[in-house]
PDB file of N, CA and C in Angstrom:
ATOM      1  N   MET A   1     127.062 116.208  40.512  1.00  0.00           N
ATOM      2  CA  MET A   1     126.522 114.886  40.565  1.00  0.00           C
ATOM      3  C   MET A   1     125.802 114.573  39.241  1.00  0.00           C
ATOM      4  N   VAL A   2     126.166 113.488  38.670  1.00  0.00           N
ATOM      5  CA  VAL A   2     125.613 113.097  37.378  1.00  0.00           C
ATOM      6  C   VAL A   2     124.507 112.071  37.616  1.00  0.00           C
ATOM      7  N   LYS A   3     123.392 112.353  36.997  1.00  0.00           N
ATOM      8  CA  LYS A   3     122.281 111.410  37.126  1.00  0.00           C
ATOM      9  C   LYS A   3     122.513 110.253  36.162  1.00  0.00           C
ATOM     10  N   LYS A   4     122.293 109.083  36.679  1.00  0.00           N
ATOM     11  CA  LYS A   4     122.395 107.911  35.812  1.00  0.00           C
ATOM     12  C   LYS A   4     121.006 107.597  35.259  1.00  0.00           C
ATOM     13  N   PHE A   5     120.974 107.501  33.973  1.00  0.00           N
ATOM     14  CA  PHE A   5     119.705 107.157  33.335  1.00  0.00           C
ATOM     15  C   PHE A   5     119.580 105.637  33.286  1.00  0.00           C
ATOM     16  N   LEU A   6     118.432 105.146  33.653  1.00  0.00           N
ATOM     17  CA  LEU A   6     118.185 103.706  33.565  1.00  0.00           C
ATOM     18  C   LEU A   6     117.796 103.360  32.133  1.00  0.00           C
ATOM     19  N   ARG A   7     118.486 102.399  31.590  1.00  0.00           N
ATOM     20  CA  ARG A   7     118.167 101.933  30.242  1.00  0.00           C
ATOM     21  C   ARG A   7     117.159 100.809  30.348  1.00  0.00           C
ATOM     22  N   ARG A   8     116.057 100.975  29.727  1.00  0.00           N
ATOM     23  CA  ARG A   8     115.050  99.914  29.726  1.00  0.00           C
ATOM     24  C   ARG A   8     114.850  99.447  28.293  1.00  0.00           C
ATOM     25  N   GLY A   9     114.586  98.148  28.151  1.00  0.00           N
ATOM     26  CA  GLY A   9     114.357  97.617  26.823  1.00  0.00           C
ATOM     27  C   GLY A   9     115.618  97.017  26.229  1.00  0.00           C
ATOM     28  N   PHE A  10     115.475  96.578  24.992  1.00  0.00           N
ATOM     29  CA  PHE A  10     116.577  95.924  24.300  1.00  0.00           C
ATOM     30  C   PHE A  10     116.991  96.770  23.108  1.00  0.00           C
ATOM     31  N   THR A  11     118.210  96.626  22.730  1.00  0.00           N
ATOM     32  CA  THR A  11     118.679  97.314  21.532  1.00  0.00           C
ATOM     33  C   THR A  11     118.286  96.502  20.312  1.00  0.00           C
ATOM     34  N   LEU A  12     118.349  97.136  19.196  1.00  0.00           N
ATOM     35  CA  LEU A  12     118.011  96.476  17.943  1.00  0.00           C
ATOM     36  C   LEU A  12     118.948  95.303  17.670  1.00  0.00           C
ATOM     37  N   ILE A  13     120.200  95.446  17.980  1.00  0.00           N
ATOM     38  CA  ILE A  13     121.184  94.379  17.769  1.00  0.00           C
ATOM     39  C   ILE A  13     120.833  93.159  18.618  1.00  0.00           C
ATOM     40  N   GLU A  14     120.467  93.374  19.865  1.00  0.00           N
ATOM     41  CA  GLU A  14     120.109  92.256  20.746  1.00  0.00           C
ATOM     42  C   GLU A  14     118.882  91.522  20.214  1.00  0.00           C
ATOM     43  N   LEU A  15     117.896  92.267  19.753  1.00  0.00           N
ATOM     44  CA  LEU A  15     116.703  91.631  19.188  1.00  0.00           C
ATOM     45  C   LEU A  15     117.031  90.839  17.924  1.00  0.00           C
ATOM     46  N   LEU A  16     117.868  91.373  17.071  1.00  0.00           N
ATOM     47  CA  LEU A  16     118.258  90.670  15.843  1.00  0.00           C
ATOM     48  C   LEU A  16     119.025  89.384  16.156  1.00  0.00           C
ATOM     49  N   VAL A  17     119.877  89.420  17.158  1.00  0.00           N
ATOM     50  CA  VAL A  17     120.630  88.217  17.540  1.00  0.00           C
ATOM     51  C   VAL A  17     119.676  87.134  18.044  1.00  0.00           C
ATOM     52  N   VAL A  18     118.726  87.510  18.883  1.00  0.00           N
ATOM     53  CA  VAL A  18     117.761  86.537  19.402  1.00  0.00           C
ATOM     54  C   VAL A  18     116.911  85.971  18.269  1.00  0.00           C
ATOM     55  N   MET A  19     116.469  86.827  17.355  1.00  0.00           N
ATOM     56  CA  MET A  19     115.670  86.344  16.224  1.00  0.00           C
ATOM     57  C   MET A  19     116.483  85.433  15.323  1.00  0.00           C
ATOM     58  N   ALA A  20     117.752  85.710  15.146  1.00  0.00           N
ATOM     59  CA  ALA A  20     118.611  84.846  14.328  1.00  0.00           C
ATOM     60  C   ALA A  20     118.780  83.480  14.981  1.00  0.00           C
ATOM     61  N   ILE A  21     118.924  83.450  16.284  1.00  0.00           N
ATOM     62  CA  ILE A  21     119.048  82.165  16.996  1.00  0.00           C
ATOM     63  C   ILE A  21     117.762  81.366  16.875  1.00  0.00           C
ATOM     64  N   ILE A  22     116.625  82.024  17.033  1.00  0.00           N
ATOM     65  CA  ILE A  22     115.341  81.333  16.902  1.00  0.00           C
ATOM     66  C   ILE A  22     115.163  80.803  15.485  1.00  0.00           C
ATOM     67  N   ALA A  23     115.510  81.589  14.483  1.00  0.00           N
ATOM     68  CA  ALA A  23     115.396  81.146  13.087  1.00  0.00           C
ATOM     69  C   ALA A  23     116.293  79.944  12.817  1.00  0.00           C
ATOM     70  N   MET A  24     117.489  79.959  13.382  1.00  0.00           N
ATOM     71  CA  MET A  24     118.398  78.831  13.184  1.00  0.00           C
ATOM     72  C   MET A  24     117.832  77.563  13.820  1.00  0.00           C
ATOM     73  N   LEU A  25     117.299  77.679  15.022  1.00  0.00           N
ATOM     74  CA  LEU A  25     116.712  76.514  15.687  1.00  0.00           C
ATOM     75  C   LEU A  25     115.507  75.979  14.923  1.00  0.00           C
ATOM     76  N   LEU A  26     114.683  76.863  14.395  1.00  0.00           N
ATOM     77  CA  LEU A  26     113.536  76.425  13.600  1.00  0.00           C
ATOM     78  C   LEU A  26     113.973  75.751  12.305  1.00  0.00           C
ATOM     79  N   SER A  27     115.006  76.290  11.674  1.00  0.00           N
ATOM     80  CA  SER A  27     115.463  75.684  10.418  1.00  0.00           C
ATOM     81  C   SER A  27     116.036  74.285  10.640  1.00  0.00           C
ATOM     82  N   LEU A  28     116.484  74.001  11.842  1.00  0.00           N
ATOM     83  CA  LEU A  28     116.977  72.658  12.144  1.00  0.00           C
ATOM     84  C   LEU A  28     115.851  71.709  12.538  1.00  0.00           C
ATOM     85  N   SER A  29     114.843  72.207  13.220  1.00  0.00           N
ATOM     86  CA  SER A  29     113.818  71.324  13.773  1.00  0.00           C
ATOM     87  C   SER A  29     112.651  71.065  12.828  1.00  0.00           C
ATOM     88  N   ILE A  30     112.264  72.001  11.986  1.00  0.00           N
ATOM     89  CA  ILE A  30     111.095  71.839  11.121  1.00  0.00           C
ATOM     90  C   ILE A  30     111.252  70.671  10.140  1.00  0.00           C
ATOM     91  N   PRO A  31     112.360  70.527   9.419  1.00  0.00           N
ATOM     92  CA  PRO A  31     112.478  69.375   8.517  1.00  0.00           C
ATOM     93  C   PRO A  31     112.417  68.029   9.251  1.00  0.00           C
ATOM     94  N   ARG A  32     112.981  67.979  10.429  1.00  0.00           N
ATOM     95  CA  ARG A  32     112.906  66.735  11.202  1.00  0.00           C
ATOM     96  C   ARG A  32     111.480  66.446  11.615  1.00  0.00           C
ATOM     97  N   TYR A  33     110.736  67.487  11.971  1.00  0.00           N
ATOM     98  CA  TYR A  33     109.349  67.316  12.379  1.00  0.00           C
ATOM     99  C   TYR A  33     108.524  66.718  11.245  1.00  0.00           C
ATOM    100  N   PHE A  34     108.633  67.283  10.040  1.00  0.00           N
ATOM    101  CA  PHE A  34     107.855  66.773   8.922  1.00  0.00           C
ATOM    102  C   PHE A  34     108.291  65.371   8.528  1.00  0.00           C
ATOM    103  N   GLY A  35     109.559  65.048   8.684  1.00  0.00           N
ATOM    104  CA  GLY A  35     110.017  63.683   8.422  1.00  0.00           C
ATOM    105  C   GLY A  35     109.396  62.691   9.394  1.00  0.00           C
ATOM    106  N   HIS A  36     109.264  63.097  10.642  1.00  0.00           N
ATOM    107  CA  HIS A  36     108.649  62.216  11.632  1.00  0.00           C
ATOM    108  C   HIS A  36     107.145  62.075  11.406  1.00  0.00           C
ATOM    109  N   VAL A  37     106.504  63.112  10.940  1.00  0.00           N
ATOM    110  CA  VAL A  37     105.076  63.029  10.636  1.00  0.00           C
ATOM    111  C   VAL A  37     104.849  62.044   9.496  1.00  0.00           C
ATOM    112  N   GLU A  38     105.673  62.115   8.470  1.00  0.00           N
ATOM    113  CA  GLU A  38     105.549  61.192   7.332  1.00  0.00           C
ATOM    114  C   GLU A  38     105.803  59.751   7.777  1.00  0.00           C
ATOM    115  N   LYS A  39     106.792  59.558   8.605  1.00  0.00           N
ATOM    116  CA  LYS A  39     107.107  58.225   9.110  1.00  0.00           C
ATOM    117  C   LYS A  39     105.955  57.681   9.957  1.00  0.00           C
ATOM    118  N   ALA A  40     105.336  58.529  10.752  1.00  0.00           N
ATOM    119  CA  ALA A  40     104.211  58.108  11.583  1.00  0.00           C
ATOM    120  C   ALA A  40     103.011  57.718  10.722  1.00  0.00           C
ATOM    121  N   LYS A  41     102.753  58.473   9.666  1.00  0.00           N
ATOM    122  CA  LYS A  41     101.646  58.128   8.764  1.00  0.00           C
ATOM    123  C   LYS A  41     101.888  56.780   8.097  1.00  0.00           C
ATOM    124  N   GLU A  42     103.122  56.519   7.701  1.00  0.00           N
ATOM    125  CA  GLU A  42     103.433  55.228   7.085  1.00  0.00           C
ATOM    126  C   GLU A  42     103.240  54.087   8.081  1.00  0.00           C
ATOM    127  N   SER A  43     103.621  54.301   9.321  1.00  0.00           N
ATOM    128  CA  SER A  43     103.431  53.275  10.346  1.00  0.00           C
ATOM    129  C   SER A  43     101.951  53.005  10.590  1.00  0.00           C
ATOM    130  N   VAL A  44     101.157  54.061  10.625  1.00  0.00           N
ATOM    131  CA  VAL A  44      99.712  53.906  10.816  1.00  0.00           C
ATOM    132  C   VAL A  44      99.105  53.169   9.636  1.00  0.00           C
ATOM    133  N   LEU A  45      99.532  53.493   8.423  1.00  0.00           N
ATOM    134  CA  LEU A  45      99.017  52.815   7.234  1.00  0.00           C
ATOM    135  C   LEU A  45      99.345  51.330   7.270  1.00  0.00           C
ATOM    136  N   ARG A  46     100.566  50.988   7.605  1.00  0.00           N
ATOM    137  CA  ARG A  46     100.942  49.569   7.688  1.00  0.00           C
ATOM    138  C   ARG A  46     100.110  48.841   8.748  1.00  0.00           C
ATOM    139  N   GLN A  47      99.904  49.480   9.892  1.00  0.00           N
ATOM    140  CA  GLN A  47      99.130  48.857  10.967  1.00  0.00           C
ATOM    141  C   GLN A  47      97.655  48.706  10.579  1.00  0.00           C
ATOM    142  N   ASP A  48      97.083  49.718   9.945  1.00  0.00           N
ATOM    143  CA  ASP A  48      95.685  49.630   9.515  1.00  0.00           C
ATOM    144  C   ASP A  48      95.492  48.528   8.492  1.00  0.00           C
ATOM    145  N   LEU A  49      96.412  48.430   7.541  1.00  0.00           N
ATOM    146  CA  LEU A  49      96.310  47.367   6.541  1.00  0.00           C
ATOM    147  C   LEU A  49      96.424  45.994   7.196  1.00  0.00           C
ATOM    148  N   ALA A  50      97.323  45.849   8.145  1.00  0.00           N
ATOM    149  CA  ALA A  50      97.491  44.559   8.831  1.00  0.00           C
ATOM    150  C   ALA A  50      96.231  44.193   9.614  1.00  0.00           C
ATOM    151  N   GLN A  51      95.610  45.159  10.278  1.00  0.00           N
ATOM    152  CA  GLN A  51      94.395  44.877  11.043  1.00  0.00           C
ATOM    153  C   GLN A  51      93.233  44.507  10.136  1.00  0.00           C
ATOM    154  N   MET A  52      93.081  45.229   9.019  1.00  0.00           N
ATOM    155  CA  MET A  52      91.983  44.903   8.104  1.00  0.00           C
ATOM    156  C   MET A  52      92.197  43.544   7.452  1.00  0.00           C
ATOM    157  N   ARG A  53      93.426  43.241   7.079  1.00  0.00           N
ATOM    158  CA  ARG A  53      93.699  41.938   6.474  1.00  0.00           C
ATOM    159  C   ARG A  53      93.484  40.808   7.472  1.00  0.00           C
ATOM    160  N   ASP A  54      93.848  41.045   8.714  1.00  0.00           N
ATOM    161  CA  ASP A  54      93.612  40.053   9.754  1.00  0.00           C
ATOM    162  C   ASP A  54      92.110  39.837   9.951  1.00  0.00           C
ATOM    163  N   ALA A  55      91.343  40.914   9.943  1.00  0.00           N
ATOM    164  CA  ALA A  55      89.891  40.794  10.103  1.00  0.00           C
ATOM    165  C   ALA A  55      89.269  40.061   8.914  1.00  0.00           C
ATOM    166  N   ILE A  56      89.756  40.326   7.706  1.00  0.00           N
ATOM    167  CA  ILE A  56      89.251  39.617   6.518  1.00  0.00           C
ATOM    168  C   ILE A  56      89.553  38.132   6.632  1.00  0.00           C
ATOM    169  N   ASP A  57      90.762  37.780   7.052  1.00  0.00           N
ATOM    170  CA  ASP A  57      91.129  36.365   7.207  1.00  0.00           C
ATOM    171  C   ASP A  57      90.287  35.683   8.286  1.00  0.00           C
ATOM    172  N   LYS A  58      90.040  36.362   9.399  1.00  0.00           N
ATOM    173  CA  LYS A  58      89.206  35.783  10.456  1.00  0.00           C
ATOM    174  C   LYS A  58      87.768  35.608   9.981  1.00  0.00           C
ATOM    175  N   TYR A  59      87.269  36.565   9.229  1.00  0.00           N
ATOM    176  CA  TYR A  59      85.926  36.459   8.668  1.00  0.00           C
ATOM    177  C   TYR A  59      85.842  35.242   7.752  1.00  0.00           C
ATOM    178  N   PHE A  60      86.828  35.091   6.887  1.00  0.00           N
ATOM    179  CA  PHE A  60      86.847  33.948   5.969  1.00  0.00           C
ATOM    180  C   PHE A  60      86.920  32.638   6.756  1.00  0.00           C
ATOM    181  N   GLY A  61      87.723  32.588   7.798  1.00  0.00           N
ATOM    182  CA  GLY A  61      87.836  31.381   8.599  1.00  0.00           C
ATOM    183  C   GLY A  61      86.538  31.016   9.305  1.00  0.00           C
ATOM    184  N   ASP A  62      85.794  32.012   9.739  1.00  0.00           N
ATOM    185  CA  ASP A  62      84.539  31.752  10.448  1.00  0.00           C
ATOM    186  C   ASP A  62      83.379  31.461   9.514  1.00  0.00           C
ATOM    187  N   VAL A  63      83.267  32.215   8.424  1.00  0.00           N
ATOM    188  CA  VAL A  63      82.084  32.138   7.565  1.00  0.00           C
ATOM    189  C   VAL A  63      82.297  31.215   6.370  1.00  0.00           C
ATOM    190  N   GLY A  64      83.513  31.108   5.876  1.00  0.00           N
ATOM    191  CA  GLY A  64      83.789  30.237   4.740  1.00  0.00           C
ATOM    192  C   GLY A  64      83.838  30.966   3.405  1.00  0.00           C
ATOM    193  N   HIS A  65      83.575  32.246   3.390  1.00  0.00           N
ATOM    194  CA  HIS A  65      83.724  33.057   2.177  1.00  0.00           C
ATOM    195  C   HIS A  65      84.153  34.458   2.593  1.00  0.00           C
ATOM    196  N   TYR A  66      84.622  35.222   1.623  1.00  0.00           N
ATOM    197  CA  TYR A  66      85.087  36.576   1.905  1.00  0.00           C
ATOM    198  C   TYR A  66      83.903  37.530   1.998  1.00  0.00           C
ATOM    199  N   PRO A  67      84.056  38.631   2.706  1.00  0.00           N
ATOM    200  CA  PRO A  67      82.930  39.570   2.840  1.00  0.00           C
ATOM    201  C   PRO A  67      82.616  40.282   1.525  1.00  0.00           C
ATOM    202  N   GLU A  68      81.419  40.830   1.466  1.00  0.00           N
ATOM    203  CA  GLU A  68      80.991  41.569   0.276  1.00  0.00           C
ATOM    204  C   GLU A  68      81.514  43.004   0.285  1.00  0.00           C
ATOM    205  N   SER A  69      81.805  43.538   1.473  1.00  0.00           N
ATOM    206  CA  SER A  69      82.320  44.899   1.586  1.00  0.00           C
ATOM    207  C   SER A  69      83.053  45.036   2.920  1.00  0.00           C
ATOM    208  N   LEU A  70      83.762  46.121   3.069  1.00  0.00           N
ATOM    209  CA  LEU A  70      84.431  46.383   4.342  1.00  0.00           C
ATOM    210  C   LEU A  70      83.413  46.673   5.441  1.00  0.00           C
ATOM    211  N   ASP A  71      82.275  47.237   5.064  1.00  0.00           N
ATOM    212  CA  ASP A  71      81.231  47.516   6.059  1.00  0.00           C
ATOM    213  C   ASP A  71      80.669  46.232   6.661  1.00  0.00           C
ATOM    214  N   GLU A  72      80.682  45.158   5.911  1.00  0.00           N
ATOM    215  CA  GLU A  72      80.197  43.882   6.431  1.00  0.00           C
ATOM    216  C   GLU A  72      81.105  43.375   7.556  1.00  0.00           C
ATOM    217  N   ILE A  73      82.387  43.630   7.456  1.00  0.00           N
ATOM    218  CA  ILE A  73      83.312  43.248   8.519  1.00  0.00           C
ATOM    219  C   ILE A  73      83.009  44.043   9.792  1.00  0.00           C
ATOM    220  N   VAL A  74      82.599  45.291   9.607  1.00  0.00           N
ATOM    221  CA  VAL A  74      82.261  46.135  10.757  1.00  0.00           C
ATOM    222  C   VAL A  74      80.946  45.686  11.383  1.00  0.00           C
ATOM    223  N   THR A  75      79.942  45.403  10.565  1.00  0.00           N
ATOM    224  CA  THR A  75      78.647  44.994  11.115  1.00  0.00           C
ATOM    225  C   THR A  75      78.721  43.638  11.806  1.00  0.00           C
ATOM    226  N   LYS A  76      79.625  42.778  11.369  1.00  0.00           N
ATOM    227  CA  LYS A  76      79.806  41.465  12.010  1.00  0.00           C
ATOM    228  C   LYS A  76      80.781  41.530  13.180  1.00  0.00           C
ATOM    229  N   LYS A  77      81.244  42.734  13.520  1.00  0.00           N
ATOM    230  CA  LYS A  77      82.087  43.004  14.689  1.00  0.00           C
ATOM    231  C   LYS A  77      83.511  42.438  14.585  1.00  0.00           C
ATOM    232  N   TYR A  78      84.025  42.311  13.373  1.00  0.00           N
ATOM    233  CA  TYR A  78      85.427  41.926  13.222  1.00  0.00           C
ATOM    234  C   TYR A  78      86.330  43.158  13.331  1.00  0.00           C
ATOM    235  N   LEU A  79      85.770  44.313  13.022  1.00  0.00           N
ATOM    236  CA  LEU A  79      86.432  45.611  13.212  1.00  0.00           C
ATOM    237  C   LEU A  79      85.423  46.548  13.864  1.00  0.00           C
ATOM    238  N   ARG A  80      85.917  47.496  14.659  1.00  0.00           N
ATOM    239  CA  ARG A  80      85.004  48.493  15.237  1.00  0.00           C
ATOM    240  C   ARG A  80      84.508  49.470  14.188  1.00  0.00           C
ATOM    241  N   LYS A  81      85.417  49.874  13.325  1.00  0.00           N
ATOM    242  CA  LYS A  81      85.057  50.752  12.212  1.00  0.00           C
ATOM    243  C   LYS A  81      86.136  50.632  11.151  1.00  0.00           C
ATOM    244  N   VAL A  82      85.795  51.018   9.954  1.00  0.00           N
ATOM    245  CA  VAL A  82      86.781  51.038   8.878  1.00  0.00           C
ATOM    246  C   VAL A  82      87.721  52.208   9.160  1.00  0.00           C
ATOM    247  N   PRO A  83      89.018  51.943   9.274  1.00  0.00           N
ATOM    248  CA  PRO A  83      89.948  53.036   9.619  1.00  0.00           C
ATOM    249  C   PRO A  83      90.108  54.039   8.479  1.00  0.00           C
ATOM    250  N   LEU A  84      90.515  55.222   8.850  1.00  0.00           N
ATOM    251  CA  LEU A  84      90.820  56.246   7.857  1.00  0.00           C
ATOM    252  C   LEU A  84      92.196  55.977   7.262  1.00  0.00           C
ATOM    253  N   ASP A  85      92.301  56.158   5.968  1.00  0.00           N
ATOM    254  CA  ASP A  85      93.617  56.104   5.330  1.00  0.00           C
ATOM    255  C   ASP A  85      94.381  57.336   5.789  1.00  0.00           C
ATOM    256  N   PRO A  86      95.537  57.181   6.428  1.00  0.00           N
ATOM    257  CA  PRO A  86      96.229  58.345   6.989  1.00  0.00           C
ATOM    258  C   PRO A  86      96.711  59.351   5.949  1.00  0.00           C
ATOM    259  N   PHE A  87      96.832  58.954   4.704  1.00  0.00           N
ATOM    260  CA  PHE A  87      97.308  59.886   3.680  1.00  0.00           C
ATOM    261  C   PHE A  87      96.163  60.616   2.983  1.00  0.00           C
ATOM    262  N   THR A  88      94.985  59.997   2.930  1.00  0.00           N
ATOM    263  CA  THR A  88      93.843  60.656   2.304  1.00  0.00           C
ATOM    264  C   THR A  88      92.859  61.190   3.344  1.00  0.00           C
ATOM    265  N   ASP A  89      92.995  60.759   4.591  1.00  0.00           N
ATOM    266  CA  ASP A  89      92.099  61.137   5.689  1.00  0.00           C
ATOM    267  C   ASP A  89      90.645  60.787   5.389  1.00  0.00           C
ATOM    268  N   ARG A  90      90.447  59.696   4.669  1.00  0.00           N
ATOM    269  CA  ARG A  90      89.097  59.237   4.337  1.00  0.00           C
ATOM    270  C   ARG A  90      89.043  57.720   4.468  1.00  0.00           C
ATOM    271  N   ALA A  91      87.860  57.213   4.781  1.00  0.00           N
ATOM    272  CA  ALA A  91      87.688  55.771   4.921  1.00  0.00           C
ATOM    273  C   ALA A  91      87.178  55.125   3.639  1.00  0.00           C
ATOM    274  N   ASP A  92      86.815  55.920   2.651  1.00  0.00           N
ATOM    275  CA  ASP A  92      86.258  55.361   1.421  1.00  0.00           C
ATOM    276  C   ASP A  92      87.258  55.296   0.274  1.00  0.00           C
ATOM    277  N   THR A  93      88.526  55.496   0.556  1.00  0.00           N
ATOM    278  CA  THR A  93      89.536  55.453  -0.510  1.00  0.00           C
ATOM    279  C   THR A  93      90.295  54.131  -0.544  1.00  0.00           C
ATOM    280  N   TRP A  94      89.942  53.198   0.324  1.00  0.00           N
ATOM    281  CA  TRP A  94      90.612  51.893   0.294  1.00  0.00           C
ATOM    282  C   TRP A  94      90.280  51.197  -1.013  1.00  0.00           C
ATOM    283  N   VAL A  95      91.262  50.555  -1.603  1.00  0.00           N
ATOM    284  CA  VAL A  95      91.083  49.831  -2.855  1.00  0.00           C
ATOM    285  C   VAL A  95      90.857  48.364  -2.511  1.00  0.00           C
ATOM    286  N   ILE A  96      89.717  47.844  -2.944  1.00  0.00           N
ATOM    287  CA  ILE A  96      89.332  46.467  -2.657  1.00  0.00           C
ATOM    288  C   ILE A  96      89.898  45.558  -3.736  1.00  0.00           C
ATOM    289  N   VAL A  97      90.515  44.450  -3.315  1.00  0.00           N
ATOM    290  CA  VAL A  97      91.030  43.440  -4.240  1.00  0.00           C
ATOM    291  C   VAL A  97      90.136  42.216  -4.109  1.00  0.00           C
ATOM    292  N   ALA A  98      89.522  41.830  -5.215  1.00  0.00           N
ATOM    293  CA  ALA A  98      88.609  40.691  -5.213  1.00  0.00           C
ATOM    294  C   ALA A  98      89.399  39.379  -5.315  1.00  0.00           C
ATOM    295  N   PRO A  99      88.842  38.280  -4.794  1.00  0.00           N
ATOM    296  CA  PRO A  99      89.520  36.990  -4.919  1.00  0.00           C
ATOM    297  C   PRO A  99      89.422  36.467  -6.347  1.00  0.00           C
ATOM    298  N   ASP A 100      90.266  35.499  -6.672  1.00  0.00           N
ATOM    299  CA  ASP A 100      90.238  34.905  -8.012  1.00  0.00           C
ATOM    300  C   ASP A 100      88.914  34.191  -8.264  1.00  0.00           C
ATOM    301  N   ASN A 101      88.410  33.506  -7.255  1.00  0.00           N
ATOM    302  CA  ASN A 101      87.126  32.811  -7.363  1.00  0.00           C
ATOM    303  C   ASN A 101      86.017  33.815  -7.051  1.00  0.00           C
ATOM    304  N   LYS A 102      85.223  34.171  -8.037  1.00  0.00           N
ATOM    305  CA  LYS A 102      84.192  35.195  -7.860  1.00  0.00           C
ATOM    306  C   LYS A 102      83.084  34.748  -6.904  1.00  0.00           C
ATOM    307  N   ASP A 103      82.906  33.444  -6.702  1.00  0.00           N
ATOM    308  CA  ASP A 103      81.865  32.948  -5.804  1.00  0.00           C
ATOM    309  C   ASP A 103      82.288  33.033  -4.347  1.00  0.00           C
ATOM    310  N   ALA A 104      83.547  33.338  -4.071  1.00  0.00           N
ATOM    311  CA  ALA A 104      84.055  33.325  -2.702  1.00  0.00           C
ATOM    312  C   ALA A 104      83.848  34.663  -1.988  1.00  0.00           C
ATOM    313  N   GLY A 105      83.247  35.655  -2.629  1.00  0.00           N
ATOM    314  CA  GLY A 105      83.042  36.958  -2.013  1.00  0.00           C
ATOM    315  C   GLY A 105      83.693  38.054  -2.829  1.00  0.00           C
ATOM    316  N   LYS A 106      83.744  39.246  -2.257  1.00  0.00           N
ATOM    317  CA  LYS A 106      84.273  40.383  -3.016  1.00  0.00           C
ATOM    318  C   LYS A 106      85.516  41.015  -2.416  1.00  0.00           C
ATOM    319  N   VAL A 107      85.775  40.814  -1.130  1.00  0.00           N
ATOM    320  CA  VAL A 107      86.907  41.484  -0.479  1.00  0.00           C
ATOM    321  C   VAL A 107      87.934  40.441  -0.059  1.00  0.00           C
ATOM    322  N   PHE A 108      88.914  40.220  -0.911  1.00  0.00           N
ATOM    323  CA  PHE A 108      90.005  39.303  -0.606  1.00  0.00           C
ATOM    324  C   PHE A 108      91.154  40.031   0.091  1.00  0.00           C
ATOM    325  N   ASP A 109      91.412  41.246  -0.358  1.00  0.00           N
ATOM    326  CA  ASP A 109      92.508  42.042   0.192  1.00  0.00           C
ATOM    327  C   ASP A 109      92.126  43.513   0.081  1.00  0.00           C
ATOM    328  N   VAL A 110      92.878  44.346   0.768  1.00  0.00           N
ATOM    329  CA  VAL A 110      92.643  45.782   0.728  1.00  0.00           C
ATOM    330  C   VAL A 110      93.995  46.482   0.606  1.00  0.00           C
ATOM    331  N   LYS A 111      94.010  47.552  -0.197  1.00  0.00           N
ATOM    332  CA  LYS A 111      95.223  48.328  -0.395  1.00  0.00           C
ATOM    333  C   LYS A 111      94.883  49.809  -0.215  1.00  0.00           C
ATOM    334  N   SER A 112      95.901  50.606  -0.045  1.00  0.00           N
ATOM    335  CA  SER A 112      95.699  52.037   0.148  1.00  0.00           C
ATOM    336  C   SER A 112      95.354  52.705  -1.170  1.00  0.00           C
ATOM    337  N   GLY A 113      94.480  53.683  -1.109  1.00  0.00           N
ATOM    338  CA  GLY A 113      94.142  54.469  -2.285  1.00  0.00           C
ATOM    339  C   GLY A 113      94.995  55.720  -2.413  1.00  0.00           C
ATOM    340  N   ALA A 114      95.982  55.855  -1.550  1.00  0.00           N
ATOM    341  CA  ALA A 114      96.842  57.045  -1.568  1.00  0.00           C
ATOM    342  C   ALA A 114      97.799  56.994  -2.748  1.00  0.00           C
ATOM    343  N   THR A 115      98.039  58.156  -3.301  1.00  0.00           N
ATOM    344  CA  THR A 115      99.029  58.263  -4.368  1.00  0.00           C
ATOM    345  C   THR A 115     100.349  58.691  -3.749  1.00  0.00           C
ATOM    346  N   GLY A 116     101.402  58.389  -4.407  1.00  0.00           N
ATOM    347  CA  GLY A 116     102.704  58.828  -3.923  1.00  0.00           C
ATOM    348  C   GLY A 116     103.596  57.675  -3.531  1.00  0.00           C
ATOM    349  N   HIS A 117     104.804  58.027  -3.184  1.00  0.00           N
ATOM    350  CA  HIS A 117     105.832  57.056  -2.839  1.00  0.00           C
ATOM    351  C   HIS A 117     106.134  57.121  -1.351  1.00  0.00           C
ATOM    352  N   ALA A 118     106.444  55.967  -0.800  1.00  0.00           N
ATOM    353  CA  ALA A 118     106.862  55.886   0.594  1.00  0.00           C
ATOM    354  C   ALA A 118     108.325  56.305   0.696  1.00  0.00           C
ATOM    355  N   ARG A 119     108.802  56.372   1.912  1.00  0.00           N
ATOM    356  CA  ARG A 119     110.194  56.765   2.125  1.00  0.00           C
ATOM    357  C   ARG A 119     111.163  55.731   1.577  1.00  0.00           C
ATOM    358  N   ASP A 120     110.718  54.474   1.466  1.00  0.00           N
ATOM    359  CA  ASP A 120     111.595  53.437   0.909  1.00  0.00           C
ATOM    360  C   ASP A 120     111.504  53.350  -0.613  1.00  0.00           C
ATOM    361  N   GLY A 121     110.694  54.214  -1.244  1.00  0.00           N
ATOM    362  CA  GLY A 121     110.591  54.252  -2.698  1.00  0.00           C
ATOM    363  C   GLY A 121     109.431  53.479  -3.266  1.00  0.00           C
ATOM    364  N   SER A 122     108.767  52.650  -2.476  1.00  0.00           N
ATOM    365  CA  SER A 122     107.628  51.874  -2.973  1.00  0.00           C
ATOM    366  C   SER A 122     106.379  52.743  -3.024  1.00  0.00           C
ATOM    367  N   LEU A 123     105.416  52.328  -3.831  1.00  0.00           N
ATOM    368  CA  LEU A 123     104.163  53.041  -3.920  1.00  0.00           C
ATOM    369  C   LEU A 123     103.247  52.633  -2.776  1.00  0.00           C
ATOM    370  N   TYR A 124     102.515  53.585  -2.229  1.00  0.00           N
ATOM    371  CA  TYR A 124     101.559  53.256  -1.176  1.00  0.00           C
ATOM    372  C   TYR A 124     100.494  52.285  -1.674  1.00  0.00           C
ATOM    373  N   ALA A 125     100.145  52.398  -2.939  1.00  0.00           N
ATOM    374  CA  ALA A 125      99.095  51.555  -3.515  1.00  0.00           C
ATOM    375  C   ALA A 125      99.513  50.087  -3.618  1.00  0.00           C
ATOM    376  N   THR A 126     100.801  49.785  -3.468  1.00  0.00           N
ATOM    377  CA  THR A 126     101.241  48.386  -3.574  1.00  0.00           C
ATOM    378  C   THR A 126     101.374  47.707  -2.221  1.00  0.00           C
ATOM    379  N   TRP A 127     101.146  48.442  -1.153  1.00  0.00           N
ATOM    380  CA  TRP A 127     101.307  47.847   0.180  1.00  0.00           C
ATOM    381  C   TRP A 127     100.207  46.876   0.480  1.00  0.00           C
TER     382      TRP A 127
END
């Protein structure tokens, strides 16, 4: 009578095959993940700029001049807070554009302080 030995565990070949499959799946999914993260940041930037510009326009419509700073829009409750720039992760990197008439205030428009190009080739600073 021959005793049958129970084999427990995996062979080296089986482990290598599983690791190769996992590596292949990661190599397909990681670039897509980072592409989606970049796309999401661009969407957030566009939305933040639209909200701040809308708040500046509403402030001008109510008060008759542009605000002196972005913080003034927050204190007057046109925005809850100055949003973070999604590319710099800071709220103090927004670039303020002054109006042509210096007596009308200091914040006519706001642009991103982020460096770099968007996926469509435009600069973030020109949005």
